């Protein structure tokens, strides 16, 4: 039998593109013969004013409960069965113990890697970062096959001692959506640049560049997403367009290019989240492809080479370059980019990249 773990958590919402990626993978797996193992993980919430000792105790209890749930639900797995897990798990659990137990049962394990926290600097210091490295390398060592995001992520894992034959490059995440929102006529070369994402103005981390105090670029922007504090956007000429369910976002955005940028500055992709683009395939990249809009991406991002190779957008070093680079393009150049995106748009909409990665992984087991 072939199974996949479906972690059911209280915070699943239709507006979160990161969670949509996990949901899309589950849909693809449903279509290729995998059965879901539903794991309603115990959610841990912080309590204001709680002592550190009590918090640690509650975390320990939550972790133990999750471990018991995983063991109970995965008891259906038998020797020779395949189990696919989306990594990392969403909630605290004794994850390495679960994987060891599955290996001892004789199961074949496949991981699809969403994030490697060991390669994203932790603001909590070196000790936490070292723990993430230990957790990543030891957890992933139990899997027979690892579906990685791109060649850079693969190289990092190779440097950590992983076998090349255990890794499959998915190249792009899929972005499932129906065909009712197609129409590249919504995208014009001289229109504002689109920025999408899950913004959080309470923590100066992800996508905080829209709140920087740097000088304004000449380009105009349209912002779509959650958690946007319009009053704090002073570093760019931007219009907030609201938010839409992740499923429908490809059909709602209008503009010239979709921007893939992160971190706390408009001069470079810096900070924890910005630098992480060097090894990460952001889901918004696939969103833009699904929509059919050309992409603007940081020149040092993992997907910058993809953009150049297939001519589906432009690369930049900072947001100040956008206006000049877009003006240098002819309308014919721009229409050619949209044409080049079309086959990739069809592929990500239909789950083609995940299907191919799963097929390759199974052949290697």
Protein backbone atom coordinates (compact mmCIF):
# COMPACT_ATOMS: atom_id res chain seq x y z
CA UNK A 1 0.00 0.00 0.00
CA UNK A 2 0.96 3.63 -0.48
CA UNK A 3 0.18 6.17 2.24
CA UNK A 4 0.75 9.84 2.90
CA UNK A 5 0.54 11.67 6.20
CA UNK A 6 -2.17 14.32 6.37
CA UNK A 7 -1.63 16.54 9.41
CA UNK A 8 -4.94 18.14 10.32
CA UNK A 9 -4.30 21.29 12.31
CA UNK A 10 -6.59 24.08 13.60
CA UNK A 11 -4.81 26.80 11.62
CA UNK A 12 -5.45 25.58 8.05
CA UNK A 13 -6.93 28.53 6.16
CA UNK A 14 -7.80 29.16 2.55
CA UNK A 15 -5.75 32.36 2.32
CA UNK A 16 -2.36 30.85 3.20
CA UNK A 17 -0.40 29.93 0.06
CA UNK A 18 2.16 27.92 2.06
CA UNK A 19 -0.57 25.66 3.40
CA UNK A 20 -2.11 25.52 -0.07
CA UNK A 21 1.13 23.96 -1.31
CA UNK A 22 0.72 21.12 1.19
CA UNK A 23 -2.92 20.76 0.26
CA UNK A 24 -2.07 20.60 -3.45
CA UNK A 25 0.47 17.85 -2.84
CA UNK A 26 -2.20 15.86 -1.01
CA UNK A 27 -4.55 16.25 -3.99
CA UNK A 28 -1.87 15.00 -6.37
CA UNK A 29 -1.17 12.01 -4.11
CA UNK A 30 -4.88 11.19 -3.97
CA UNK A 31 -4.84 11.03 -7.75
CA UNK A 32 -1.89 8.64 -8.01
CA UNK A 33 -3.10 5.98 -5.61
CA UNK A 34 -1.91 7.13 -2.18
CA UNK A 35 -4.18 6.78 0.85
CA UNK A 36 -4.27 9.52 3.50
CA UNK A 37 -3.38 8.81 7.11
CA UNK A 38 -5.18 11.56 9.01
CA UNK A 39 -3.18 12.82 12.01
CA UNK A 40 -5.06 15.47 14.03
CA UNK A 41 -1.97 16.90 15.71
CA UNK A 42 -2.16 18.48 19.15
CA UNK A 43 -1.66 22.23 18.62
CA UNK A 44 0.61 24.07 21.07
CA UNK A 45 -0.32 27.65 21.93
CA UNK A 46 1.63 30.10 24.04
CA UNK A 47 -0.02 31.57 27.15
CA UNK A 48 0.81 35.15 28.04
CA UNK A 49 2.46 35.50 31.44
CA UNK A 50 3.12 31.79 31.81
CA UNK A 51 6.38 30.84 33.50
CA UNK A 52 9.14 29.24 31.43
CA UNK A 53 8.95 26.06 33.50
CA UNK A 54 5.21 25.63 32.91
CA UNK A 55 5.60 26.34 29.20
CA UNK A 56 8.29 23.67 28.89
CA UNK A 57 6.11 21.21 30.76
CA UNK A 58 3.15 21.87 28.46
CA UNK A 59 5.38 21.53 25.39
CA UNK A 60 6.57 18.18 26.69
CA UNK A 61 3.01 16.99 27.19
CA UNK A 62 1.98 18.26 23.73
CA UNK A 63 4.95 16.51 22.14
CA UNK A 64 4.13 13.23 23.89
CA UNK A 65 0.49 13.44 22.80
CA UNK A 66 1.51 14.05 19.18
CA UNK A 67 3.91 11.11 19.28
CA UNK A 68 1.13 8.82 20.53
CA UNK A 69 -1.23 10.07 17.82
CA UNK A 70 1.34 9.46 15.07
CA UNK A 71 2.03 5.93 16.33
CA UNK A 72 -1.66 5.05 16.58
CA UNK A 73 -2.57 6.39 13.15
CA UNK A 74 0.44 4.85 11.37
CA UNK A 75 -0.18 1.43 12.88
CA UNK A 76 -1.84 0.47 9.55
CA UNK A 77 1.57 0.55 7.83
CA UNK A 78 3.10 -2.84 7.06
CA UNK A 79 6.44 -4.04 5.73
CA UNK A 80 6.92 -3.02 2.09
CA UNK A 81 4.40 -0.17 2.25
CA UNK A 82 5.35 3.34 1.08
CA UNK A 83 4.82 6.32 3.38
CA UNK A 84 5.23 9.90 2.11
CA UNK A 85 5.65 12.71 4.64
CA UNK A 86 5.76 16.44 3.98
CA UNK A 87 8.80 17.79 5.84
CA UNK A 88 9.03 19.37 8.35
CA UNK A 89 5.93 18.22 10.28
CA UNK A 90 3.58 21.02 11.29
CA UNK A 91 3.51 20.32 15.03
CA UNK A 92 5.83 19.24 17.82
CA UNK A 93 6.36 15.48 18.00
CA UNK A 94 9.11 12.95 18.65
CA UNK A 95 9.52 12.81 14.88
CA UNK A 96 12.80 10.89 14.68
CA UNK A 97 11.32 8.18 16.90
CA UNK A 98 8.34 7.88 14.56
CA UNK A 99 10.63 7.51 11.55
CA UNK A 100 12.80 4.92 13.30
CA UNK A 101 9.70 2.92 14.19
CA UNK A 102 8.47 3.02 10.57
CA UNK A 103 11.86 1.87 9.29
CA UNK A 104 11.87 -0.99 11.79
CA UNK A 105 8.46 -2.02 10.42
CA UNK A 106 10.04 -2.28 6.95
CA UNK A 107 8.30 0.72 5.37
CA UNK A 108 9.79 2.76 2.51
CA UNK A 109 9.84 6.47 3.34
CA UNK A 110 9.65 9.43 0.94
CA UNK A 111 9.96 13.06 2.06
CA UNK A 112 8.95 16.17 0.17
CA UNK A 113 10.99 19.02 1.66
CA UNK A 114 9.22 22.34 2.18
CA UNK A 115 11.78 23.95 4.48
CA UNK A 116 15.21 23.38 5.98
CA UNK A 117 15.33 25.48 9.13
CA UNK A 118 19.00 24.56 9.55
CA UNK A 119 19.77 26.76 6.52
CA UNK A 120 17.60 29.65 7.63
CA UNK A 121 19.38 31.62 10.37
CA UNK A 122 17.64 31.58 13.71
CA UNK A 123 17.22 34.79 15.67
CA UNK A 124 17.33 32.68 18.82
CA UNK A 125 21.07 32.08 18.44
CA UNK A 126 23.63 29.46 17.49
CA UNK A 127 22.34 26.81 19.90
CA UNK A 128 18.90 26.73 18.27
CA UNK A 129 20.43 26.76 14.79
CA UNK A 130 22.64 23.77 15.69
CA UNK A 131 19.59 21.92 16.94
CA UNK A 132 17.78 22.59 13.65
CA UNK A 133 20.80 21.19 11.79
CA UNK A 134 20.80 18.07 13.97
CA UNK A 135 17.04 17.66 13.51
CA UNK A 136 17.16 18.11 9.73
CA UNK A 137 20.13 15.86 9.04
CA UNK A 138 19.08 13.07 11.39
CA UNK A 139 15.38 13.11 10.47
CA UNK A 140 16.03 13.16 6.72
CA UNK A 141 18.57 10.31 7.02
CA UNK A 142 15.70 7.88 7.74
CA UNK A 143 14.08 8.49 4.34
CA UNK A 144 14.75 6.31 1.31
CA UNK A 145 14.06 9.19 -1.09
CA UNK A 146 14.11 12.97 -0.64
CA UNK A 147 12.22 15.24 -3.03
CA UNK A 148 14.19 18.50 -2.91
CA UNK A 149 13.25 21.87 -4.35
CA UNK A 150 16.20 22.73 -6.58
CA UNK A 151 19.86 21.99 -7.37
CA UNK A 152 21.14 24.34 -4.66
CA UNK A 153 19.18 22.58 -1.94
CA UNK A 154 20.47 19.30 -3.32
CA UNK A 155 24.09 20.52 -3.18
CA UNK A 156 23.67 21.60 0.45
CA UNK A 157 22.38 18.16 1.39
CA UNK A 158 25.17 16.50 -0.57
CA UNK A 159 27.65 18.54 1.48
CA UNK A 160 25.95 17.20 4.64
CA UNK A 161 26.63 13.64 3.55
CA UNK A 162 23.42 12.66 1.76
CA UNK A 163 23.60 10.31 -1.22
CA UNK A 164 22.89 11.80 -4.65
CA UNK A 165 20.83 8.70 -5.51
CA UNK A 166 18.48 9.49 -2.63
CA UNK A 167 17.50 12.93 -3.97
CA UNK A 168 15.09 14.03 -6.68
CA UNK A 169 14.81 17.63 -7.83
CA UNK A 170 11.16 18.63 -8.19
CA UNK A 171 12.24 21.91 -9.90
CA UNK A 172 8.97 23.74 -9.13
CA UNK A 173 6.11 23.38 -6.71
CA UNK A 174 2.74 22.96 -8.36
CA UNK A 175 -0.12 25.41 -7.88
CA UNK A 176 -3.40 23.65 -8.58
CA UNK A 177 -6.25 25.74 -9.87
CA UNK A 178 -9.03 25.27 -12.41
CA UNK A 179 -8.99 26.74 -15.92
CA UNK A 180 -11.62 29.41 -15.28
CA UNK A 181 -9.13 32.13 -14.29
CA UNK A 182 -6.85 32.02 -17.35
CA UNK A 183 -6.30 35.16 -19.38
CA UNK A 184 -2.92 36.77 -19.81
CA UNK A 185 -4.55 39.87 -21.32
CA UNK A 186 -4.79 41.11 -17.70
CA UNK A 187 -1.04 41.61 -17.74
CA UNK A 188 0.52 44.66 -19.42
CA UNK A 189 4.19 45.62 -19.53
CA UNK A 190 3.64 49.15 -18.19
CA UNK A 191 1.24 48.19 -15.37
CA UNK A 192 2.33 48.13 -11.68
CA UNK A 193 4.39 45.22 -10.34
CA UNK A 194 2.48 42.65 -8.28
CA UNK A 195 3.57 41.66 -4.74
CA UNK A 196 1.72 38.78 -3.06
CA UNK A 197 2.23 37.11 0.29
CA UNK A 198 1.27 36.47 3.88
CA UNK A 199 2.43 39.69 5.53
CA UNK A 200 2.74 40.14 9.28
CA UNK A 201 3.36 43.67 10.50
CA UNK A 202 3.76 42.48 14.10
CA UNK A 203 7.07 40.73 13.42
CA UNK A 204 9.77 42.36 11.32
CA UNK A 205 10.70 39.21 9.47
CA UNK A 206 9.02 37.90 6.36
CA UNK A 207 8.28 40.43 3.60
CA UNK A 208 9.14 43.33 5.92
CA UNK A 209 10.87 45.13 3.03
CA UNK A 210 7.58 46.87 2.25
CA UNK A 211 7.96 48.73 5.57
CA UNK A 212 11.61 49.76 5.21
CA UNK A 213 12.69 53.41 5.54
CA UNK A 214 14.77 53.38 2.34
CA UNK A 215 14.29 55.69 -0.65
CA UNK A 216 11.41 54.95 -3.01
CA UNK A 217 12.02 53.04 -6.26
CA UNK A 218 10.50 54.59 -9.37
CA UNK A 219 8.36 51.51 -10.09
CA UNK A 220 4.74 51.28 -8.96
CA UNK A 221 3.40 48.26 -7.08
CA UNK A 222 0.15 46.46 -6.28
CA UNK A 223 0.07 44.44 -3.06
CA UNK A 224 -2.19 41.41 -2.48
CA UNK A 225 -2.27 39.38 0.71
CA UNK A 226 -2.97 39.19 4.44
CA UNK A 227 -1.65 41.23 7.37
CA UNK A 228 -0.78 44.35 5.37
CA UNK A 229 -0.43 47.61 7.35
CA UNK A 230 -1.03 50.20 4.62
CA UNK A 231 -0.12 53.16 6.82
CA UNK A 232 3.45 51.90 7.26
CA UNK A 233 4.22 51.52 3.55
CA UNK A 234 6.28 54.64 2.86
CA UNK A 235 9.21 53.22 0.86
CA UNK A 236 7.27 52.46 -2.31
CA UNK A 237 4.44 53.76 -4.44
CA UNK A 238 2.06 50.92 -3.68
CA UNK A 239 -1.68 50.28 -3.76
CA UNK A 240 -3.14 47.58 -1.54
CA UNK A 241 -5.59 45.49 -3.57
CA UNK A 242 -6.93 43.27 -0.79
CA UNK A 243 -6.77 39.55 -0.26
CA UNK A 244 -8.26 36.51 -1.96
CA UNK A 245 -8.35 32.81 -1.27
CA UNK A 246 -5.10 31.17 -2.40
CA UNK A 247 -7.05 28.96 -4.80
CA UNK A 248 -8.36 32.01 -6.68
CA UNK A 249 -5.37 34.38 -6.39
CA UNK A 250 -3.96 33.53 -9.88
CA UNK A 251 -7.18 34.83 -11.44
CA UNK A 252 -7.34 37.98 -9.32
CA UNK A 253 -3.92 39.60 -9.72
CA UNK A 254 -3.44 42.28 -12.36
CA UNK A 255 -0.16 43.97 -13.27
CA UNK A 256 3.02 43.65 -15.30
CA UNK A 257 5.28 41.26 -13.36
CA UNK A 258 5.02 39.20 -10.20
CA UNK A 259 7.77 40.06 -7.71
CA UNK A 260 9.71 37.35 -5.84
CA UNK A 261 11.55 39.25 -3.11
CA UNK A 262 11.88 38.85 0.63
CA UNK A 263 13.67 40.12 3.73
CA UNK A 264 13.90 43.54 5.33
CA UNK A 265 15.39 45.70 2.57
CA UNK A 266 14.60 46.87 -0.96
CA UNK A 267 18.32 47.03 -1.75
CA UNK A 268 18.95 43.31 -1.40
CA UNK A 269 17.24 40.13 -0.22
CA UNK A 270 18.73 40.23 3.26
CA UNK A 271 17.90 38.92 6.71
CA UNK A 272 16.65 35.46 7.63
CA UNK A 273 13.95 35.28 5.00
CA UNK A 274 15.68 37.16 2.21
CA UNK A 275 18.86 35.11 2.21
CA UNK A 276 16.78 31.92 2.34
CA UNK A 277 15.72 32.56 -1.27
CA UNK A 278 19.17 31.23 -2.26
CA UNK A 279 17.89 27.68 -1.68
CA UNK A 280 14.11 28.05 -1.59
CA UNK A 281 11.38 27.71 -4.24
CA UNK A 282 8.75 30.20 -3.02
CA UNK A 283 5.18 29.11 -3.64
CA UNK A 284 4.41 32.59 -5.01
CA UNK A 285 6.72 31.82 -7.95
CA UNK A 286 4.39 28.98 -8.92
CA UNK A 287 1.38 31.22 -8.27
CA UNK A 288 2.71 33.70 -10.84
CA UNK A 289 3.35 30.93 -13.36
CA UNK A 290 -0.16 29.56 -12.80
CA UNK A 291 -1.53 33.05 -13.47
CA UNK A 292 0.62 33.49 -16.58
CA UNK A 293 2.36 36.68 -15.43
CA UNK A 294 6.13 37.17 -16.02
CA UNK A 295 8.35 37.19 -12.93
CA UNK A 296 10.86 39.62 -11.41
CA UNK A 297 13.23 37.82 -9.05
CA UNK A 298 16.38 38.50 -7.04
CA UNK A 299 19.42 37.65 -9.16
CA UNK A 300 20.92 35.43 -6.43
CA UNK A 301 17.76 33.43 -5.77
CA UNK A 302 17.71 29.70 -6.49
CA UNK A 303 15.09 30.19 -9.23
CA UNK A 304 16.91 33.07 -10.97
CA UNK A 305 18.58 30.58 -13.31
CA UNK A 306 15.18 29.15 -14.26
CA UNK A 307 13.91 32.64 -15.13
CA UNK A 308 16.92 33.31 -17.35
CA UNK A 309 16.99 29.90 -19.01
CA UNK A 310 13.35 29.92 -20.05
CA UNK A 311 12.98 33.70 -20.47
CA UNK A 312 9.93 33.98 -18.22
CA UNK A 313 10.92 37.25 -16.55
CA UNK A 314 13.86 39.36 -15.43
CA UNK A 315 16.37 39.27 -12.58
CA UNK A 316 17.38 42.24 -10.41
CA UNK A 317 19.83 43.12 -7.66
CA UNK A 318 17.54 45.67 -6.00
CA UNK A 319 14.08 47.14 -6.50
CA UNK A 320 15.56 50.35 -7.92
CA UNK A 321 16.47 48.45 -11.11
CA UNK A 322 12.91 47.49 -11.93
CA UNK A 323 11.79 50.66 -13.69
CA UNK A 324 14.82 50.84 -15.98
CA UNK A 325 14.82 47.14 -16.85
CA UNK A 326 11.11 47.07 -17.65
CA UNK A 327 11.37 50.19 -19.82
CA UNK A 328 14.22 48.54 -21.75
CA UNK A 329 11.87 45.73 -22.79
CA UNK A 330 9.80 46.06 -25.94
CA UNK A 331 6.17 44.97 -26.01
CA UNK A 332 7.31 42.09 -28.21
CA UNK A 333 9.85 41.03 -25.56
CA UNK A 334 7.14 41.09 -22.92
CA UNK A 335 4.65 39.09 -25.01
CA UNK A 336 7.38 36.51 -25.67
CA UNK A 337 7.82 36.04 -21.91
CA UNK A 338 4.10 35.43 -21.50
CA UNK A 339 4.22 32.91 -24.33
CA UNK A 340 7.15 31.10 -22.70
CA UNK A 341 5.25 30.85 -19.42
CA UNK A 342 2.24 29.09 -20.97
CA UNK A 343 3.53 25.47 -20.82
CA UNK A 344 4.76 25.92 -17.25
CA UNK A 345 1.43 27.48 -16.30
CA UNK A 346 -0.38 24.40 -17.59
CA UNK A 347 2.05 22.09 -15.80
CA UNK A 348 1.82 23.66 -12.32
CA UNK A 349 -1.95 23.94 -12.60
CA UNK A 350 -2.22 20.19 -13.17
CA UNK A 351 0.33 18.92 -10.66
CA UNK A 352 2.79 17.76 -13.31
CA UNK A 353 5.97 18.44 -11.31
CA UNK A 354 4.84 16.52 -8.22
CA UNK A 355 3.53 13.61 -10.28
CA UNK A 356 6.86 13.27 -12.06
CA UNK A 357 8.85 13.49 -8.80
CA UNK A 358 6.70 10.80 -7.15
CA UNK A 359 7.05 8.53 -10.18
CA UNK A 360 10.85 8.85 -10.07
CA UNK A 361 10.97 8.31 -6.30
CA UNK A 362 8.92 5.11 -6.50
CA UNK A 363 11.14 3.70 -9.25
CA UNK A 364 14.17 4.13 -6.99
CA UNK A 365 12.70 2.29 -3.99
